[in-house]
Protein backbone atom coordinates (compact mmCIF):
# COMPACT_ATOMS: atom_id res chain seq x y z
CA MET A 1 3.24 37.30 3.22
CA ASN A 2 3.13 37.28 7.02
CA ASP A 3 -0.14 39.27 6.88
CA LEU A 4 -1.78 36.96 4.34
CA PHE A 5 -4.14 35.22 6.74
CA SER A 6 -5.03 38.41 8.61
CA SER A 7 -6.37 39.80 5.33
CA PHE A 8 -9.21 37.29 5.31
CA GLN A 9 -11.92 37.14 7.94
CA ALA A 10 -12.24 33.73 9.59
CA SER A 11 -15.67 32.10 9.66
CA SER A 12 -17.06 30.42 12.75
CA LYS A 13 -18.37 26.86 12.54
CA GLU A 14 -21.95 28.13 12.86
CA GLU A 15 -21.46 30.53 9.94
CA TRP A 16 -19.92 27.80 7.83
CA ILE A 17 -22.76 25.34 8.52
CA ALA A 18 -25.27 28.06 7.63
CA ILE A 19 -23.57 28.44 4.23
CA LEU A 20 -23.58 24.66 3.72
CA LYS A 21 -27.30 24.46 4.48
CA LYS A 22 -27.96 27.23 1.99
CA GLU A 23 -25.98 25.42 -0.72
CA LEU A 24 -27.86 22.17 -0.04
CA LYS A 25 -31.11 23.93 -1.02
CA GLY A 26 -33.38 22.23 1.44
CA GLU A 27 -31.60 18.88 1.73
CA SER A 28 -30.64 17.82 5.23
CA ILE A 29 -27.05 18.52 6.20
CA ASP A 30 -26.98 14.93 7.45
CA THR A 31 -26.57 13.87 3.81
CA LEU A 32 -22.96 15.03 4.16
CA ASN A 33 -22.32 12.50 6.93
CA LYS A 34 -21.08 9.29 5.34
CA ILE A 35 -21.01 5.90 7.07
CA ASN A 36 -18.96 3.04 5.67
CA ARG A 37 -20.66 -0.12 6.89
CA VAL A 38 -17.77 -2.43 6.05
CA GLU A 39 -15.20 -0.22 7.74
CA GLU A 40 -17.61 0.60 10.58
CA ILE A 41 -16.44 4.21 10.39
CA ALA A 42 -18.48 7.39 10.10
CA PHE A 43 -16.90 10.00 7.87
CA PRO A 44 -18.38 13.51 7.95
CA ALA A 45 -17.61 15.20 4.65
CA TYR A 46 -17.16 18.59 6.28
CA PHE A 47 -15.01 19.72 9.17
CA HIS A 48 -14.19 23.08 10.65
CA ARG A 49 -10.98 24.15 12.32
CA GLU A 50 -12.83 24.02 15.63
CA ASP A 51 -13.25 20.25 15.13
CA GLN A 52 -9.53 19.58 14.82
CA GLN A 53 -8.32 17.52 17.77
CA THR A 54 -4.66 17.00 16.85
CA ASN A 55 -2.08 19.18 15.13
CA PHE A 56 0.08 16.82 13.10
CA SER A 57 3.79 17.56 12.73
CA ASP A 58 5.18 18.90 9.47
CA PRO A 59 6.16 16.53 6.65
CA GLY A 60 9.54 14.93 7.29
CA LEU A 61 9.19 15.10 11.06
CA ALA A 62 8.26 12.33 13.51
CA PRO A 63 5.84 10.63 13.85
CA TYR A 64 5.73 11.12 10.06
CA THR A 65 1.95 11.21 9.79
CA ARG A 66 2.31 13.70 6.94
CA GLY A 67 5.10 11.79 5.21
CA ILE A 68 8.74 10.94 5.73
CA GLN A 69 10.08 13.26 3.02
CA SER A 70 10.91 16.91 3.65
CA LYS A 71 11.85 18.10 0.15
CA ASN A 72 9.32 16.53 -2.20
CA ASN A 73 6.66 13.83 -2.52
CA ASP A 74 8.46 11.65 -5.05
CA TRP A 75 7.92 7.91 -5.40
CA THR A 76 9.40 5.16 -7.54
CA ILE A 77 7.52 3.72 -10.51
CA ALA A 78 7.60 -0.04 -9.92
CA THR A 79 6.85 -2.44 -12.78
CA THR A 80 6.34 -6.17 -12.31
CA PHE A 81 8.01 -8.95 -14.33
CA ARG A 82 7.67 -12.71 -14.03
CA ILE A 83 11.04 -14.39 -14.48
CA THR A 84 10.49 -16.93 -17.26
CA ASP A 85 12.72 -16.92 -20.33
CA LEU A 86 15.71 -14.89 -19.12
CA LYS A 87 16.59 -13.18 -22.39
CA GLU A 88 12.96 -12.33 -23.18
CA THR A 89 12.36 -11.00 -19.67
CA ASN A 90 15.54 -8.94 -19.99
CA ARG A 91 14.21 -7.44 -23.21
CA GLU A 92 10.95 -6.52 -21.43
CA ILE A 93 12.88 -5.00 -18.52
CA VAL A 94 15.07 -2.81 -20.74
CA ALA A 95 12.00 -1.64 -22.69
CA ALA A 96 10.22 -0.72 -19.45
CA LEU A 97 13.23 1.21 -18.16
CA MET A 98 13.34 3.16 -21.40
CA ALA A 99 9.61 3.91 -20.99
CA GLY A 100 9.89 5.48 -17.54
CA THR A 101 10.12 2.66 -15.02
CA ASP A 102 12.68 3.22 -12.25
CA HIS A 103 11.84 0.28 -10.00
CA LEU A 104 11.88 -3.35 -11.11
CA VAL A 105 9.73 -5.96 -9.37
CA LEU A 106 11.19 -9.36 -10.29
CA GLU A 107 8.97 -12.32 -9.48
CA ALA A 108 10.52 -15.80 -9.45
CA THR A 109 8.12 -18.37 -10.89
CA ASN A 110 9.89 -21.48 -9.59
CA ALA A 111 12.67 -22.57 -7.23
CA ASP A 112 15.35 -22.86 -9.92
CA ALA A 113 18.61 -20.93 -9.76
CA ILE A 114 18.52 -17.67 -11.75
CA ASP A 115 21.35 -16.30 -13.85
CA PHE A 116 21.01 -12.63 -12.96
CA HIS A 117 23.84 -11.70 -15.34
CA VAL A 118 21.55 -12.71 -18.20
CA LEU A 119 18.30 -11.49 -16.65
CA LEU A 120 19.70 -8.05 -15.81
CA ASN A 121 22.12 -7.60 -18.66
CA GLU A 122 22.79 -3.87 -19.28
CA VAL A 123 20.65 -2.90 -16.26
CA GLY A 124 22.34 -0.54 -13.80
CA LEU A 125 20.83 -1.64 -10.49
CA SER A 126 22.64 1.09 -8.57
CA PHE A 127 20.59 3.75 -10.41
CA ILE A 128 17.15 2.24 -9.69
CA HIS A 129 15.29 0.27 -7.03
CA THR A 130 14.69 -3.46 -7.33
CA THR A 131 12.21 -5.66 -5.50
CA PHE A 132 12.91 -9.39 -5.72
CA ARG A 133 10.08 -11.82 -4.93
CA ALA A 134 11.96 -15.02 -4.26
CA LYS A 135 10.81 -18.63 -4.00
CA THR A 136 13.82 -19.84 -1.96
CA ASN A 137 16.34 -18.29 0.38
CA GLN A 138 19.04 -19.58 -1.98
CA GLN A 139 17.61 -17.28 -4.65
CA VAL A 140 17.68 -14.42 -2.16
CA ASN A 141 21.34 -15.10 -1.37
CA GLN A 142 22.16 -15.35 -5.07
CA PHE A 143 20.47 -12.03 -5.82
CA LEU A 144 22.12 -10.20 -2.93
CA VAL A 145 25.56 -11.30 -4.13
CA PHE A 146 24.72 -9.96 -7.58
CA ALA A 147 23.10 -6.70 -6.41
CA LYS A 148 25.97 -5.70 -4.08
CA GLU A 149 25.11 -2.24 -2.66
CA ALA A 150 22.21 -1.39 -4.98
CA PRO A 151 18.86 -0.33 -3.43
CA VAL A 152 17.08 -3.67 -2.92
CA LEU A 153 13.83 -4.80 -1.32
CA ILE A 154 13.40 -8.53 -0.71
CA GLU A 155 9.98 -10.21 -0.65
CA TYR A 156 10.08 -13.71 0.75
CA ALA A 157 7.20 -15.54 2.38
CA ASP A 158 9.13 -16.85 5.38
CA ASN A 159 11.00 -14.17 7.32
CA ASP A 160 11.95 -16.75 9.96
CA GLU A 161 13.84 -18.73 7.33
CA LEU A 162 15.75 -15.61 6.31
CA LEU A 163 16.60 -14.95 9.95
CA LYS A 164 18.19 -18.41 10.20
CA ALA A 165 20.06 -18.24 6.90
CA HIS A 166 22.83 -15.82 7.97
CA LEU A 167 21.54 -13.32 5.44
CA PRO A 168 21.70 -10.50 8.04
CA ASP A 169 25.43 -10.43 7.22
CA TYR A 170 24.43 -8.58 4.07
CA LEU A 171 23.02 -5.73 6.12
CA ASP A 172 26.56 -4.60 6.97
CA LYS A 173 27.52 -4.64 3.31
CA ASN A 174 24.44 -2.95 1.89
CA PRO A 175 22.87 -0.02 3.77
CA ASN A 176 20.22 0.18 1.02
CA LEU A 177 18.90 -3.33 1.70
CA LYS A 178 15.36 -3.96 2.97
CA LEU A 179 15.63 -7.66 3.80
CA TYR A 180 12.42 -8.37 5.72
CA HIS A 181 8.98 -7.86 4.27
CA VAL A 182 5.50 -7.50 5.74
CA ASP A 183 2.86 -7.99 3.03
CA ALA A 184 -0.37 -6.48 4.32
CA SER A 185 -1.78 -6.28 0.78
CA LEU A 186 -2.79 -9.92 1.27
CA VAL A 187 -5.29 -8.73 3.90
CA GLN A 188 -6.78 -6.18 1.51
CA GLN A 189 -7.02 -8.72 -1.33
CA ALA A 190 -8.93 -11.07 0.99
CA GLY A 191 -11.53 -8.35 1.62
CA GLY A 192 -10.27 -6.91 4.91
CA THR A 193 -10.75 -3.33 6.10
CA THR A 194 -8.13 -0.60 6.24
CA TRP A 195 -7.70 -1.01 10.00
CA GLN A 196 -7.51 -4.81 9.79
CA GLU A 197 -4.77 -4.42 7.19
CA LEU A 198 -2.90 -1.97 9.42
CA SER A 199 -3.25 -3.92 12.66
CA ILE A 200 -1.88 -7.10 11.07
CA ALA A 201 0.99 -5.14 9.49
CA LEU A 202 1.78 -3.58 12.89
CA ALA A 203 1.68 -6.97 14.64
CA GLU A 204 3.84 -8.74 12.06
CA GLY A 205 6.26 -5.83 11.92
CA HIS A 206 6.51 -5.73 15.71
CA GLU A 207 7.18 -9.46 15.89
CA LEU A 208 9.97 -9.04 13.33
CA LEU A 209 11.48 -6.24 15.39
CA ILE A 210 11.52 -8.43 18.50
CA LYS A 211 13.17 -11.33 16.67
CA LEU A 212 15.83 -9.05 15.21
CA LEU A 213 16.54 -7.52 18.63
CA GLU A 214 16.85 -11.02 20.11
CA LYS A 215 19.55 -11.75 17.51
CA GLY A 216 21.55 -8.82 18.83
CA ILE A 217 20.67 -6.34 16.09
CA ASP A 218 20.14 -2.82 17.42
CA ILE A 219 16.74 -1.16 17.04
CA ASP A 220 17.90 1.39 14.45
CA THR A 221 19.30 -1.30 12.16
CA ALA A 222 16.36 -3.62 12.78
CA ALA A 223 13.76 -0.98 11.89
CA ALA A 224 15.71 -0.01 8.77
CA THR A 225 15.65 -3.57 7.40
CA ILE A 226 11.84 -3.91 7.37
CA HIS A 227 9.55 -2.72 4.60
CA PHE A 228 5.78 -2.91 4.22
CA THR A 229 3.43 -3.46 1.29
CA PHE A 230 -0.20 -2.33 1.38
CA GLY A 231 -3.00 -2.98 -1.04
CA ILE A 232 -5.11 -0.17 -2.45
CA GLY A 233 -8.88 -0.25 -2.14
CA SER A 234 -11.52 1.77 -3.94
CA LYS A 235 -12.41 4.16 -1.09
CA TYR A 236 -10.22 7.11 -2.04
CA PHE A 237 -10.10 9.01 1.25
CA PHE A 238 -9.85 5.86 3.36
CA GLU A 239 -6.83 4.66 1.39
CA LEU A 240 -5.14 8.03 1.68
CA ALA A 241 -5.76 8.20 5.43
CA LYS A 242 -4.69 4.56 5.86
CA ILE A 243 -1.13 5.30 4.74
CA ARG A 244 -0.88 8.28 7.08
CA ALA A 245 -2.37 6.30 9.97
CA PHE A 246 0.10 3.45 9.56
CA ARG A 247 3.13 5.71 9.70
CA THR A 248 1.81 7.21 12.94
CA CYS A 249 1.28 3.82 14.57
CA TRP A 250 4.57 2.30 13.37
CA ALA A 251 6.49 5.29 14.72
CA GLN A 252 4.83 4.71 18.09
CA ILE A 253 5.96 1.06 18.14
CA VAL A 254 9.58 1.78 17.16
CA SER A 255 9.86 4.70 19.58
CA ALA A 256 9.07 2.32 22.47
CA TYR A 257 12.52 0.75 21.90
CA SER A 258 14.37 4.09 22.19
CA PRO A 259 16.18 4.28 18.84
CA GLN A 260 19.19 6.57 18.55
CA HIS A 261 17.97 8.16 15.33
CA THR A 262 14.56 9.72 14.73
CA CYS A 263 14.58 8.51 11.12
CA SER A 264 14.27 4.95 12.46
CA LEU A 265 10.61 5.75 13.17
CA ALA A 266 9.90 6.21 9.46
CA ALA A 267 8.23 3.29 7.69
CA THR A 268 9.21 2.28 4.15
CA ILE A 269 5.96 1.66 2.27
CA THR A 270 5.13 0.14 -1.10
CA ALA A 271 1.53 0.48 -2.28
CA ARG A 272 0.38 -2.18 -4.72
CA THR A 273 -2.82 -2.37 -6.73
CA GLY A 274 -4.73 -5.61 -6.37
CA PHE A 275 -7.63 -7.27 -8.16
CA LEU A 276 -10.55 -7.05 -5.75
CA ASN A 277 -12.27 -4.36 -7.86
CA THR A 278 -10.78 -5.36 -11.20
CA SER A 279 -12.97 -6.28 -14.17
CA LEU A 280 -11.93 -8.50 -17.05
CA LYS A 281 -15.35 -8.13 -18.69
CA ASP A 282 -14.98 -4.35 -18.96
CA PRO A 283 -11.18 -4.03 -19.00
CA TYR A 284 -10.67 -0.34 -19.76
CA THR A 285 -12.56 0.76 -16.64
CA ASN A 286 -9.57 -0.66 -14.77
CA LEU A 287 -7.40 2.20 -16.01
CA LEU A 288 -9.73 4.68 -14.28
CA ARG A 289 -9.80 2.59 -11.11
CA GLN A 290 -6.03 2.20 -11.01
CA THR A 291 -5.54 5.93 -11.56
CA THR A 292 -7.70 6.96 -8.60
CA GLU A 293 -6.23 4.18 -6.45
CA ALA A 294 -2.70 5.30 -7.29
CA MET A 295 -3.53 8.93 -6.66
CA SER A 296 -4.95 8.17 -3.21
CA VAL A 297 -1.76 6.52 -1.92
CA VAL A 298 0.50 9.06 -3.64
CA LEU A 299 -1.32 11.79 -1.73
CA GLY A 300 -0.85 9.68 1.40
CA GLY A 301 2.91 9.74 0.83
CA ILE A 302 4.35 6.36 -0.17
CA GLN A 303 7.90 5.57 -1.33
CA HIS A 304 7.14 2.96 -3.98
CA LEU A 305 4.09 2.54 -6.22
CA ASN A 306 3.51 -0.81 -7.91
CA ILE A 307 0.55 -0.68 -10.30
CA GLN A 308 0.16 -4.26 -11.44
CA PRO A 309 -1.13 -5.11 -14.93
CA TYR A 310 -4.87 -5.51 -14.43
CA ASP A 311 -4.88 -8.76 -16.43
CA TRP A 312 -1.92 -10.23 -14.51
CA TYR A 313 -4.01 -13.26 -13.52
CA SER A 314 -6.14 -13.66 -16.64
CA THR A 315 -6.35 -16.46 -19.19
CA ASN A 316 -5.93 -14.04 -22.09
CA PRO A 317 -3.50 -11.32 -20.97
CA ASN A 318 -2.20 -8.45 -23.04
CA THR A 319 0.68 -7.72 -20.70
CA ALA A 320 2.66 -5.52 -23.09
CA PHE A 321 -0.27 -3.07 -23.12
CA THR A 322 -1.43 -3.33 -19.51
CA ARG A 323 2.10 -3.07 -18.11
CA ARG A 324 2.78 0.04 -20.20
CA MET A 325 -0.53 1.60 -19.12
CA ALA A 326 0.39 0.91 -15.48
CA THR A 327 3.66 2.80 -15.95
CA ASN A 328 1.89 5.63 -17.74
CA ILE A 329 -0.46 6.22 -14.80
CA SER A 330 2.49 7.07 -12.56
CA LEU A 331 4.02 9.21 -15.30
CA LEU A 332 0.75 11.14 -15.65
CA LEU A 333 0.57 11.73 -11.92
CA LYS A 334 4.12 13.03 -11.98
CA GLU A 335 4.69 14.76 -15.29
CA GLU A 336 1.23 16.21 -15.84
CA SER A 337 -0.16 16.54 -12.31
CA TYR A 338 3.17 17.25 -10.55
CA LEU A 339 2.09 15.36 -7.44
CA GLN A 340 5.72 14.45 -6.77
CA ILE A 341 6.58 18.10 -6.14
CA VAL A 342 4.13 19.12 -3.41
CA LEU A 343 4.81 17.94 0.12
CA ASP A 344 1.71 16.37 1.69
CA PRO A 345 -0.74 17.54 -1.00
CA ALA A 346 -3.66 16.50 1.25
CA GLY A 347 -2.41 18.60 4.17
CA GLY A 348 -4.88 21.10 5.61
CA SER A 349 -7.97 18.93 5.28
CA TYR A 350 -9.51 18.64 8.73
CA ALA A 351 -11.82 15.87 7.52
CA LEU A 352 -8.87 13.76 6.34
CA ASP A 353 -7.00 14.47 9.56
CA ALA A 354 -9.98 13.20 11.53
CA LEU A 355 -10.29 10.10 9.32
CA THR A 356 -6.57 9.43 9.77
CA GLU A 357 -6.99 9.54 13.54
CA THR A 358 -10.05 7.28 13.46
CA ILE A 359 -8.35 4.60 11.33
CA ALA A 360 -5.22 4.82 13.48
CA GLU A 361 -7.27 4.36 16.66
CA ARG A 362 -9.12 1.33 15.25
CA ALA A 363 -5.88 -0.23 14.00
CA TRP A 364 -4.08 0.42 17.29
CA SER A 365 -6.94 -1.08 19.29
CA SER A 366 -6.86 -4.21 17.13
CA PHE A 367 -3.06 -4.38 17.42
CA GLN A 368 -3.30 -4.18 21.20
CA TRP A 369 -5.81 -7.05 21.19
CA ILE A 370 -3.37 -9.15 19.15
CA GLU A 371 -0.54 -8.41 21.58
CA ARG A 372 -2.66 -9.14 24.65
CA ASN A 373 -3.58 -12.53 23.24
CA GLY A 374 -0.07 -13.73 22.61
CA SER A 375 1.13 -12.09 19.34
CA ILE A 376 0.32 -12.62 15.67
CA SER A 377 2.10 -15.98 15.60
CA GLN A 378 -0.54 -17.65 17.82
CA GLU A 379 -2.84 -19.87 15.78
CA GLU A 380 -5.92 -18.88 17.80
CA VAL A 381 -5.23 -15.20 17.15
CA ARG A 382 -4.70 -15.76 13.43
CA GLN A 383 -7.89 -17.78 13.12
CA ALA A 384 -9.91 -15.12 14.93
CA LEU A 385 -8.52 -12.40 12.67
CA ALA A 386 -9.11 -14.53 9.57
CA SER A 387 -12.74 -15.06 10.57
CA GLU A 388 -13.23 -11.32 10.99
CA ILE A 389 -11.73 -10.69 7.53
CA GLU A 390 -14.05 -13.29 6.00
CA GLU A 391 -17.02 -11.48 7.55
CA LYS A 392 -15.91 -8.24 5.92
CA ALA A 393 -15.41 -10.00 2.59
CA ALA A 394 -18.96 -11.38 2.80
CA MET A 395 -20.27 -7.87 3.47
CA ARG A 396 -18.46 -6.57 0.39
CA VAL A 397 -19.99 -9.30 -1.78
CA ALA A 398 -23.48 -8.62 -0.38
CA GLU A 399 -23.13 -4.90 -1.16
CA ILE A 400 -22.12 -5.67 -4.74
CA LYS A 401 -24.98 -8.12 -5.21
CA ASP A 402 -27.65 -5.76 -3.89
CA LYS A 403 -25.95 -2.77 -5.60
CA THR A 404 -25.49 -0.83 -2.39
CA GLU A 405 -21.98 -0.44 -3.76
CA LYS A 406 -21.82 0.19 -7.50
CA ARG A 407 -18.97 -0.79 -9.79
CA ILE A 408 -19.18 0.15 -13.46
CA GLY A 409 -18.71 -2.90 -15.64
CA ILE A 410 -19.14 -5.23 -12.67
CA ASN A 411 -22.65 -4.75 -11.29
CA ILE A 412 -23.91 -1.71 -13.26
CA PHE A 413 -23.59 -0.56 -16.88
CA PRO A 414 -22.23 -3.87 -18.20
CA ASN A 415 -19.91 -3.79 -21.18
CA PRO A 416 -22.05 -4.38 -24.32
CA GLU A 417 -19.06 -6.00 -26.00
CA GLN A 418 -18.35 -9.64 -25.23
CA VAL A 419 -14.81 -10.02 -23.88
CA GLU A 420 -13.25 -13.48 -24.01
CA ASN A 421 -11.21 -13.47 -20.82
CA SER A 422 -11.46 -15.09 -17.42
CA TRP A 423 -9.60 -15.29 -14.14
CA LYS A 424 -6.79 -17.66 -13.31
CA ALA A 425 -6.36 -18.70 -9.70
CA LEU A 426 -4.76 -16.01 -7.56
CA PRO A 427 -2.27 -16.93 -4.82
CA ALA A 428 -3.74 -17.52 -1.38
CA CYS A 429 -4.05 -14.45 0.80
CA TRP A 430 -3.12 -13.82 4.43
CA ASN A 431 -3.41 -16.97 6.58
CA ASN A 432 -4.45 -18.88 3.43
CA LEU A 433 -7.64 -16.89 3.02
CA LYS A 434 -9.35 -17.06 -0.36
CA PRO A 435 -8.65 -14.05 -2.62
CA LEU A 436 -11.73 -11.90 -3.18
CA ILE A 437 -12.53 -10.72 -6.72
CA LEU A 438 -15.91 -9.02 -6.76
CA GLU A 439 -16.47 -9.76 -10.45
CA GLN A 440 -16.14 -13.48 -9.73
CA ALA A 441 -18.46 -13.28 -6.72
CA LEU A 442 -21.48 -12.29 -8.81
């Protein structure tokens, strides 16, 4: 096997381009150079080894560009539940666990106390992961008492409130606890770019690190308590490269504080499908969209995948079906495509490596601007970033309206069947920006 590569003659870049030109049959090779106007990034569809600028480390090694895992590419299958009637929600949870779910996302719908003994009856939390989206810090405290040492991720809108509530005491009791959350998916849902999403995640994550260090928590523990959620857009290669780029940048931030353990540089990432490209008028096209979206972030190497029911915010939902289909997408990617087995399945693509570097550079530059201007907590900084995201959202809408960007069932090939369904109001996005749903924008 050591002589495998010597058995094949390497081609020079000139020879390779000559072959490409021949295959194009008269078309200009420039047709292979793609430019994403919204992202403001050029993406050549071909690269040669001579173009490679950086040799990334192996999977499982810092700065974790190629993933934090060294044995496989596995991820958890996260399924979302709104906490309403406790017994009925429990029935739905048990059914989902029997159908392949191994990660529960529990979403509180009000500020009332929750009887988790009823909600999670016969559920072994220690054998799965659980994300709890709380409305109050009292609910967070209540859940942490119930969960004990089970793997838990907390999503709460106000990290500062959690910092004041003495909840860090739980960190000593539960090494599997991710208490502080940075939700960058709210940038993506508002119409932002990959690098805007990353730069805001980096800035908010860095601010959390500083606050935890100021409370006397060491850098290794502080980094281990933070987890990130990213949205998933429709640009397959950009979404894949985005995940890799974030890990690189986050490792650079944490390393500046000299952690004792290299694993502290590794970011815990949940990828969550949103509704920007979702269609209620042509609902089944969403299954195709969610499959390619999920595949892109799986290839990027995430820990948790949350495919939300595509009709989660509709007036006429069929949640039993859409939730099961969401679970099945992950099962297909695992049990039929075996993407959980291969480490860094996208490794070896020079074009993706270059795109990863480009997105990382844009995100890092934006992050540096945020830091120079007083951190992400400054109102002037937030307003400037929000205005830039709104500009990108407007560009996305314009491209859909003039069909520069095509979406089946949204702006081309409309569904001939009339579907009686419409959108409910989505929660506000980052900095109270309006959620963008392209179907609604037409």
